[in-house]
Amino acid sequence: MDKRLLEQVQQALQAQQDTIKRQEQMLDDQQQYMQQMLDQKDQDIAELTASLNTLAKTKTQELERLPTLFKQLQNTMKEQTSVVNGWVKHRKEHVTTQALLISELLALGNVQIQLTEQLKTYQSTITPPDYLENATTQLESDTMKWESELSELVNAQSKIEQSQAKIKGSQTEIQTELKELNTLLDKSER
């Protein structure tokens, strides 16, 4: 009876030792897994830190270049504005010349119309020779042609004035954008 009890006690002790060994193995495995996780986490943190440093360096370089880019943009806008102003001035002079020419042509047309009316009045008082009648007919034809051309010139003048108004509007927008750019550049330099 004692021998059997002793064997049972020994078996229980052996089972307990086996359980303790398994628990120790499990603890070792768990500790090894935790160490691997910590190593992986350290590696991830190192990679993330390197990426953040690279990004910060890139952003710093971009911010350092920003004032230069603003300056280049400002200079380009000034050049474009200067070109537009020169072109607007040229167009204005051209329009003024056109208006003067049209005014003179209108005056000439009015004189020719008056001359034609006077010739008609004079012609009605006399019996004109054939050559005078032909000249009067030609003058009337020329007068109609002048009236048509004057009408076309007036239309062209109207279109030119509309284009000039659009150009002035565009120039105003460009000058506004240039002022805003100067304000942004001043702020970035501060």
Protein backbone atom coordinates (compact mmCIF):
# COMPACT_ATOMS: atom_id res chain seq x y z
CA MET A 1 0.00 0.00 0.00
CA ASP A 2 2.79 2.41 0.87
CA LYS A 3 4.68 1.46 -2.28
CA ARG A 4 1.71 2.17 -4.46
CA LEU A 5 1.09 5.47 -2.71
CA LEU A 6 4.75 6.34 -3.13
CA GLU A 7 4.57 5.63 -6.87
CA GLN A 8 1.48 7.84 -7.17
CA VAL A 9 3.28 10.60 -5.28
CA GLN A 10 6.31 10.20 -7.57
CA GLN A 11 4.09 10.28 -10.67
CA ALA A 12 2.36 13.40 -9.35
CA LEU A 13 5.73 15.04 -8.65
CA GLN A 14 6.92 14.06 -12.16
CA ALA A 15 3.74 15.47 -13.69
CA GLN A 16 4.21 18.64 -11.69
CA GLN A 17 7.83 18.94 -12.86
CA ASP A 18 6.73 18.37 -16.46
CA THR A 19 4.09 21.07 -16.03
CA ILE A 20 6.68 23.42 -14.55
CA LYS A 21 9.02 22.73 -17.51
CA ARG A 22 6.23 23.39 -20.00
CA GLN A 23 5.36 26.62 -18.20
CA GLU A 24 9.03 27.64 -18.20
CA GLN A 25 9.23 26.85 -21.94
CA MET A 26 6.07 28.86 -22.54
CA LEU A 27 7.53 31.74 -20.54
CA ASP A 28 10.76 31.52 -22.54
CA ASP A 29 8.80 31.46 -25.82
CA GLN A 30 6.69 34.39 -24.69
CA GLN A 31 9.77 36.33 -23.61
CA GLN A 32 11.46 35.60 -26.95
CA TYR A 33 8.32 36.71 -28.84
CA MET A 34 8.14 39.91 -26.76
CA GLN A 35 11.81 40.58 -27.49
CA GLN A 36 11.18 40.10 -31.23
CA MET A 37 8.22 42.46 -31.06
CA LEU A 38 10.33 45.05 -29.20
CA ASP A 39 13.11 44.70 -31.77
CA GLN A 40 10.61 45.09 -34.62
CA LYS A 41 9.08 48.09 -32.90
CA ASP A 42 12.52 49.69 -32.47
CA GLN A 43 13.24 49.08 -36.16
CA ASP A 44 9.87 50.58 -37.18
CA ILE A 45 10.51 53.63 -34.99
CA ALA A 46 14.00 54.04 -36.50
CA GLU A 47 12.59 53.84 -40.05
CA LEU A 48 9.78 56.27 -39.21
CA THR A 49 12.26 58.68 -37.63
CA ALA A 50 14.47 58.52 -40.74
CA SER A 51 11.45 59.17 -42.98
CA LEU A 52 10.34 62.11 -40.85
CA ASN A 53 13.85 63.57 -40.91
CA THR A 54 13.97 63.24 -44.71
CA LEU A 55 10.54 64.86 -45.03
CA ALA A 56 11.51 67.68 -42.69
CA LYS A 57 14.70 68.30 -44.69
CA THR A 58 12.73 68.36 -47.96
CA LYS A 59 10.13 70.76 -46.52
CA THR A 60 12.88 73.00 -45.16
CA GLN A 61 14.52 73.15 -48.59
CA GLU A 62 11.17 73.97 -50.19
CA LEU A 63 10.51 76.73 -47.65
CA GLU A 64 13.99 78.15 -48.27
CA ARG A 65 13.29 78.20 -52.02
CA LEU A 66 9.86 79.80 -51.58
CA PRO A 67 11.06 83.45 -51.34
CA THR A 68 13.20 82.94 -54.45
CA LEU A 69 10.24 81.48 -56.35
CA PHE A 70 8.05 84.39 -55.21
CA LYS A 71 10.71 86.83 -56.36
CA GLN A 72 10.93 85.15 -59.76
CA LEU A 73 7.16 85.17 -60.08
CA GLN A 74 7.05 88.84 -59.10
CA ASN A 75 9.70 89.73 -61.69
CA THR A 76 7.83 87.77 -64.36
CA MET A 77 4.57 89.53 -63.47
CA LYS A 78 6.33 92.92 -63.65
CA GLU A 79 7.76 92.07 -67.06
CA GLN A 80 4.37 90.89 -68.31
CA THR A 81 2.70 94.01 -66.93
CA SER A 82 5.30 96.19 -68.63
CA VAL A 83 4.74 94.40 -71.94
CA VAL A 84 0.96 94.72 -71.59
CA ASN A 85 1.24 98.41 -70.68
CA GLY A 86 3.41 99.01 -73.74
CA TRP A 87 0.97 97.14 -75.94
CA VAL A 88 -2.01 99.03 -74.46
CA LYS A 89 -0.21 102.34 -75.07
CA HIS A 90 0.50 101.33 -78.66
CA ARG A 91 -3.14 100.27 -79.16
CA LYS A 92 -4.32 103.53 -77.62
CA GLU A 93 -2.16 105.53 -80.02
CA HIS A 94 -3.38 103.38 -82.89
CA VAL A 95 -7.02 103.89 -81.87
CA THR A 96 -6.44 107.64 -81.55
CA THR A 97 -4.90 107.72 -85.02
CA GLN A 98 -7.79 105.66 -86.40
CA ALA A 99 -10.32 107.95 -84.75
CA LEU A 100 -8.59 111.01 -86.23
CA LEU A 101 -8.48 109.39 -89.67
CA ILE A 102 -12.16 108.43 -89.46
CA SER A 103 -13.05 111.94 -88.35
CA GLU A 104 -11.17 113.41 -91.32
CA LEU A 105 -12.75 110.89 -93.69
CA LEU A 106 -16.19 111.73 -92.33
CA ALA A 107 -15.48 115.42 -92.88
CA LEU A 108 -14.28 114.68 -96.40
CA GLY A 109 -17.36 112.54 -97.02
CA ASN A 110 -19.63 115.33 -95.80
CA VAL A 111 -17.87 117.79 -98.09
CA GLN A 112 -18.31 115.43 -101.02
CA ILE A 113 -21.98 114.92 -100.17
CA GLN A 114 -22.47 118.70 -100.03
CA LEU A 115 -20.61 119.07 -103.31
CA THR A 116 -22.79 116.41 -104.90
CA GLU A 117 -25.96 118.13 -103.70
CA GLN A 118 -24.73 121.45 -105.02
CA LEU A 119 -23.85 119.87 -108.35
CA LYS A 120 -27.31 118.28 -108.51
CA THR A 121 -28.87 121.67 -107.80
CA TYR A 122 -26.68 123.34 -110.40
CA GLN A 123 -27.35 120.54 -112.88
CA SER A 124 -31.10 120.95 -112.47
CA THR A 125 -30.83 124.60 -113.57
CA ILE A 126 -29.00 123.87 -116.78
CA THR A 127 -29.03 121.32 -119.50
CA PRO A 128 -25.76 119.56 -118.83
CA PRO A 129 -23.51 118.21 -121.52
CA ASP A 130 -22.96 114.47 -121.60
CA TYR A 131 -19.52 114.61 -119.97
CA LEU A 132 -20.85 116.62 -117.00
CA GLU A 133 -23.70 114.14 -116.51
CA ASN A 134 -21.18 111.29 -116.58
CA ALA A 135 -18.97 113.10 -114.05
CA THR A 136 -21.97 113.68 -111.77
CA THR A 137 -22.96 110.02 -112.01
CA GLN A 138 -19.39 109.00 -111.19
CA LEU A 139 -19.31 111.43 -108.27
CA GLU A 140 -22.57 110.01 -106.92
CA SER A 141 -21.14 106.50 -107.25
CA ASP A 142 -17.93 107.56 -105.49
CA THR A 143 -19.97 109.25 -102.76
CA MET A 144 -21.99 106.07 -102.13
CA LYS A 145 -18.73 104.12 -101.99
CA TRP A 146 -17.30 106.62 -99.51
CA GLU A 147 -20.41 106.37 -97.34
CA SER A 148 -20.11 102.57 -97.31
CA GLU A 149 -16.41 102.70 -96.41
CA LEU A 150 -17.07 105.29 -93.71
CA SER A 151 -19.73 103.02 -92.22
CA GLU A 152 -17.22 100.16 -92.16
CA LEU A 153 -14.63 102.42 -90.53
CA VAL A 154 -17.13 103.46 -87.85
CA ASN A 155 -17.86 99.79 -87.14
CA ALA A 156 -14.14 99.02 -86.99
CA GLN A 157 -13.62 101.94 -84.60
CA SER A 158 -16.37 100.56 -82.35
CA LYS A 159 -14.74 97.11 -82.29
CA ILE A 160 -11.35 98.66 -81.52
CA GLU A 161 -12.82 100.60 -78.60
CA GLN A 162 -14.45 97.41 -77.25
CA SER A 163 -11.12 95.56 -77.50
CA GLN A 164 -9.38 98.41 -75.73
CA ALA A 165 -11.93 98.24 -72.90
CA LYS A 166 -11.29 94.50 -72.52
CA ILE A 167 -7.52 95.10 -72.51
CA LYS A 168 -7.89 97.74 -69.79
CA GLY A 169 -9.95 95.27 -67.73
CA SER A 170 -7.25 92.58 -68.14
CA GLN A 171 -4.55 95.09 -67.20
CA THR A 172 -6.46 96.00 -64.04
CA GLU A 173 -6.71 92.31 -63.09
CA ILE A 174 -2.97 91.80 -63.69
CA GLN A 175 -2.11 94.83 -61.55
CA THR A 176 -4.38 93.52 -58.77
CA GLU A 177 -2.69 90.11 -58.92
CA LEU A 178 0.73 91.81 -58.82
CA LYS A 179 -0.26 93.76 -55.69
CA GLU A 180 -1.47 90.55 -54.02
CA LEU A 181 1.80 88.84 -54.99
CA ASN A 182 3.82 91.71 -53.49
CA THR A 183 1.81 91.42 -50.27
CA LEU A 184 2.42 87.65 -50.08
CA LEU A 185 6.13 88.13 -50.82
CA ASP A 186 6.43 90.78 -48.10
CA LYS A 187 4.76 88.42 -45.61
CA SER A 188 7.00 85.49 -46.58
CA GLU A 189 10.16 87.63 -46.20
CA ARG A 190 9.10 88.63 -42.71
